[in-house]
């Protein structure tokens, strides 16, 4: 075997993650495509974050909103509520991805969806400068993707894209997620059949609104 890092777009294997990322950038082999600008992303969670922040676009209803606030108001599902809180979009409270993780950990003592990260110190914060311009775009030094604007690059590097996974599907054979909105969206979609949409809605509403322990 050549390496343990495989491009899921073509199956080619690489000896390091960096080499795989360079290959994907060069060949456009990212597996999830933005429905508005056709940039490609490593997973649906990263793509959805990009569509929300850069295009005010909701793929679930195939609609682009005039402002992020209008988009936020339309996200009435548990996923929308989680995204609203993780993006610190609530005028009545100071919240973000890290605060929500600590809150969920307190309501999820059995680790149904939250990972027990004993040495976790919080998410890193980055600020890119004009020096990231490489002649073709503003380059993320973590994954080497190019962005058309410095604002877009900063949104990307401060999203959950390169942060540690904080959550996991209750089906331990499934996958991990970097954001609360990502794991809730997965559960609401009923993709792996671990629970039902209505059960997720009630569980998240009770946990966040009523302060109860998380259960599905």
Protein backbone atom coordinates (compact mmCIF):
# COMPACT_ATOMS: atom_id res chain seq x y z
CA UNK A 1 0.00 0.00 0.00
CA UNK A 2 1.36 3.43 -0.98
CA UNK A 3 -0.20 5.32 1.93
CA UNK A 4 -3.11 5.53 4.31
CA UNK A 5 -4.66 8.74 2.97
CA UNK A 6 -7.07 8.00 0.14
CA UNK A 7 -8.76 10.52 -2.17
CA UNK A 8 -12.44 9.61 -2.03
CA UNK A 9 -12.92 11.29 -5.39
CA UNK A 10 -10.67 8.95 -7.38
CA UNK A 11 -9.33 6.34 -4.95
CA UNK A 12 -5.68 7.37 -5.26
CA UNK A 13 -3.63 6.89 -2.07
CA UNK A 14 -1.09 9.27 -0.53
CA UNK A 15 1.54 9.07 2.15
CA UNK A 16 0.34 12.18 4.01
CA UNK A 17 -2.82 14.20 4.51
CA UNK A 18 -1.08 17.29 3.10
CA UNK A 19 -0.28 15.47 -0.17
CA UNK A 20 -3.87 14.26 -0.42
CA UNK A 21 -5.24 17.78 0.12
CA UNK A 22 -2.91 19.21 -2.54
CA UNK A 23 -4.12 16.53 -4.96
CA UNK A 24 -7.78 17.27 -4.21
CA UNK A 25 -7.24 20.99 -4.72
CA UNK A 26 -5.46 20.43 -8.03
CA UNK A 27 -7.98 17.92 -9.37
CA UNK A 28 -11.15 19.34 -7.80
CA UNK A 29 -11.83 16.04 -6.07
CA UNK A 30 -13.61 17.44 -3.02
CA UNK A 31 -16.77 15.37 -2.73
CA UNK A 32 -19.40 17.96 -1.73
CA UNK A 33 -20.15 20.89 -4.04
CA UNK A 34 -21.63 24.25 -3.03
CA UNK A 35 -24.92 24.78 -4.85
CA UNK A 36 -24.21 28.48 -5.44
CA UNK A 37 -20.55 28.96 -6.40
CA UNK A 38 -19.58 25.32 -7.03
CA UNK A 39 -16.64 25.34 -4.61
CA UNK A 40 -16.05 21.84 -3.26
CA UNK A 41 -15.75 20.77 0.36
CA UNK A 42 -14.53 17.80 2.31
CA UNK A 43 -17.97 17.06 3.82
CA UNK A 44 -21.57 18.28 3.92
CA UNK A 45 -21.10 20.01 7.26
CA UNK A 46 -18.31 22.25 5.91
CA UNK A 47 -20.29 22.95 2.73
CA UNK A 48 -23.45 23.87 4.64
CA UNK A 49 -21.50 26.29 6.86
CA UNK A 50 -20.07 27.94 3.71
CA UNK A 51 -23.52 28.22 2.07
CA UNK A 52 -25.03 29.76 5.18
CA UNK A 53 -22.24 32.30 5.78
CA UNK A 54 -21.19 33.23 2.24
CA UNK A 55 -24.43 32.94 0.26
CA UNK A 56 -27.28 33.20 2.82
CA UNK A 57 -28.40 30.00 1.13
CA UNK A 58 -30.36 27.06 2.56
CA UNK A 59 -29.92 23.90 0.48
CA UNK A 60 -32.78 22.15 2.29
CA UNK A 61 -35.34 24.56 0.85
CA UNK A 62 -33.20 25.58 -2.19
CA UNK A 63 -33.55 29.26 -1.36
CA UNK A 64 -31.15 32.20 -1.13
CA UNK A 65 -32.15 34.85 1.42
CA UNK A 66 -31.55 38.60 1.25
CA UNK A 67 -29.60 38.55 4.51
CA UNK A 68 -28.16 36.11 7.01
CA UNK A 69 -30.78 37.24 9.54
CA UNK A 70 -33.57 36.26 7.14
CA UNK A 71 -31.94 32.88 6.66
CA UNK A 72 -31.58 32.44 10.40
CA UNK A 73 -35.25 33.22 10.95
CA UNK A 74 -36.18 30.48 8.48
CA UNK A 75 -34.14 27.82 10.27
CA UNK A 76 -36.87 26.72 12.67
CA UNK A 77 -35.75 23.11 13.03
CA UNK A 78 -33.50 21.89 15.82
CA UNK A 79 -30.60 22.15 13.35
CA UNK A 80 -31.44 25.81 12.76
CA UNK A 81 -31.61 26.49 16.48
CA UNK A 82 -28.22 24.88 17.06
CA UNK A 83 -26.63 26.79 14.16
CA UNK A 84 -28.17 30.03 15.45
CA UNK A 85 -26.59 29.50 18.88
CA UNK A 86 -23.21 28.29 17.63
CA UNK A 87 -22.90 31.35 15.36
CA UNK A 88 -23.59 33.70 18.33
CA UNK A 89 -26.61 35.06 16.43
CA UNK A 90 -28.89 35.34 19.45
CA UNK A 91 -29.27 38.96 20.69
CA UNK A 92 -30.29 37.77 24.15
CA UNK A 93 -27.27 35.60 24.96
CA UNK A 94 -23.57 35.21 24.21
CA UNK A 95 -23.08 31.80 22.67
CA UNK A 96 -20.66 30.08 20.30
CA UNK A 97 -19.50 26.60 19.33
CA UNK A 98 -17.38 26.14 22.47
CA UNK A 99 -20.03 27.42 24.87
CA UNK A 100 -22.63 25.14 23.30
CA UNK A 101 -20.31 22.12 23.57
CA UNK A 102 -19.77 22.75 27.28
CA UNK A 103 -23.52 23.21 27.74
CA UNK A 104 -24.36 19.99 25.89
CA UNK A 105 -21.70 18.07 27.85
CA UNK A 106 -23.49 19.14 31.04
CA UNK A 107 -26.82 17.91 29.69
CA UNK A 108 -25.36 14.75 28.17
CA UNK A 109 -23.49 13.04 31.06
CA UNK A 110 -23.65 9.65 29.34
CA UNK A 111 -22.06 10.98 26.14
CA UNK A 112 -24.98 10.08 23.86
CA UNK A 113 -23.83 12.61 21.26
CA UNK A 114 -20.99 14.59 22.89
CA UNK A 115 -17.43 13.28 22.99
CA UNK A 116 -15.62 13.21 26.33
CA UNK A 117 -12.55 15.27 25.46
CA UNK A 118 -10.69 15.54 28.75
CA UNK A 119 -7.80 17.62 27.37
CA UNK A 120 -9.91 19.88 25.12
CA UNK A 121 -9.08 23.57 25.66
CA UNK A 122 -11.48 25.19 23.19
CA UNK A 123 -11.40 26.09 19.50
CA UNK A 124 -8.50 28.03 18.02
CA UNK A 125 -9.10 31.50 16.56
CA UNK A 126 -7.33 32.68 13.40
CA UNK A 127 -7.10 35.91 11.42
CA UNK A 128 -5.73 35.82 7.89
CA UNK A 129 -4.02 38.85 6.34
CA UNK A 130 -3.42 40.09 2.82
CA UNK A 131 -0.21 38.04 2.81
CA UNK A 132 -2.34 34.93 2.20
CA UNK A 133 -2.90 36.12 -1.41
CA UNK A 134 -1.01 33.68 -3.67
CA UNK A 135 -1.78 35.24 -7.03
CA UNK A 136 -4.91 33.18 -7.64
CA UNK A 137 -6.81 33.68 -4.38
CA UNK A 138 -6.55 33.92 -0.62
CA UNK A 139 -5.04 30.60 0.47
CA UNK A 140 -5.91 28.68 3.62
CA UNK A 141 -2.58 27.47 5.00
CA UNK A 142 -4.33 24.57 6.74
CA UNK A 143 -5.92 22.94 3.69
CA UNK A 144 -4.49 25.12 0.86
CA UNK A 145 -7.88 25.94 -0.66
CA UNK A 146 -8.20 29.33 -2.37
CA UNK A 147 -10.94 31.87 -1.62
CA UNK A 148 -12.04 34.86 -3.69
CA UNK A 149 -12.04 37.25 -0.73
CA UNK A 150 -10.18 37.67 2.55
CA UNK A 151 -13.55 37.70 4.30
CA UNK A 152 -14.37 34.32 2.81
CA UNK A 153 -11.03 32.89 3.94
CA UNK A 154 -11.48 34.21 7.48
CA UNK A 155 -14.99 32.76 7.65
CA UNK A 156 -13.57 29.43 6.54
CA UNK A 157 -10.65 29.23 8.97
CA UNK A 158 -12.84 30.28 11.91
CA UNK A 159 -15.63 27.86 11.05
CA UNK A 160 -15.63 24.29 12.29
CA UNK A 161 -13.83 23.17 9.12
CA UNK A 162 -10.43 22.58 10.79
CA UNK A 163 -11.59 22.19 14.38
CA UNK A 164 -11.70 19.04 16.45
CA UNK A 165 -14.80 16.84 16.24
CA UNK A 166 -16.87 17.40 19.39
CA UNK A 167 -19.81 15.09 18.72
CA UNK A 168 -20.53 11.57 17.50
CA UNK A 169 -23.59 9.77 16.22
CA UNK A 170 -25.26 7.60 18.91
CA UNK A 171 -24.63 4.79 16.45
CA UNK A 172 -20.93 4.39 17.25
CA UNK A 173 -20.32 2.72 13.90
CA UNK A 174 -21.45 5.89 12.09
CA UNK A 175 -19.32 9.08 12.18
CA UNK A 176 -18.12 12.12 14.16
CA UNK A 177 -19.21 15.75 13.76
CA UNK A 178 -17.48 19.06 14.40
CA UNK A 179 -20.57 21.09 15.30
CA UNK A 180 -23.81 20.64 17.23
CA UNK A 181 -25.74 21.73 14.14
CA UNK A 182 -23.95 19.03 12.13
CA UNK A 183 -24.85 16.13 14.45
CA UNK A 184 -28.44 17.36 14.86
CA UNK A 185 -28.86 17.74 11.09
CA UNK A 186 -27.60 14.16 10.71
CA UNK A 187 -30.11 12.88 13.27
CA UNK A 188 -32.98 14.90 11.77
CA UNK A 189 -32.23 13.44 8.34
CA UNK A 190 -32.84 9.92 9.74
CA UNK A 191 -29.91 8.78 7.55
CA UNK A 192 -28.69 6.01 9.83
CA UNK A 193 -32.09 5.22 11.36
CA UNK A 194 -30.92 5.76 14.94
CA UNK A 195 -33.88 8.03 15.77
CA UNK A 196 -36.79 9.94 14.22
CA UNK A 197 -37.09 13.61 13.20
CA UNK A 198 -39.81 14.39 15.76
CA UNK A 199 -37.86 12.76 18.58
CA UNK A 200 -34.82 14.92 17.76
CA UNK A 201 -36.96 18.06 17.72
CA UNK A 202 -38.41 17.32 21.15
CA UNK A 203 -35.10 16.21 22.65
CA UNK A 204 -33.17 19.30 21.54
CA UNK A 205 -36.00 21.70 22.43
CA UNK A 206 -36.28 20.20 25.91
CA UNK A 207 -32.51 20.29 26.43
CA UNK A 208 -31.98 23.89 25.28
CA UNK A 209 -35.32 25.42 26.24
CA UNK A 210 -36.19 23.44 29.33
CA UNK A 211 -32.77 22.58 30.69
CA UNK A 212 -33.46 18.84 30.80
CA UNK A 213 -30.92 16.11 30.25
CA UNK A 214 -30.52 15.05 26.64
CA UNK A 215 -32.37 11.91 25.61
CA UNK A 216 -33.61 10.40 22.33
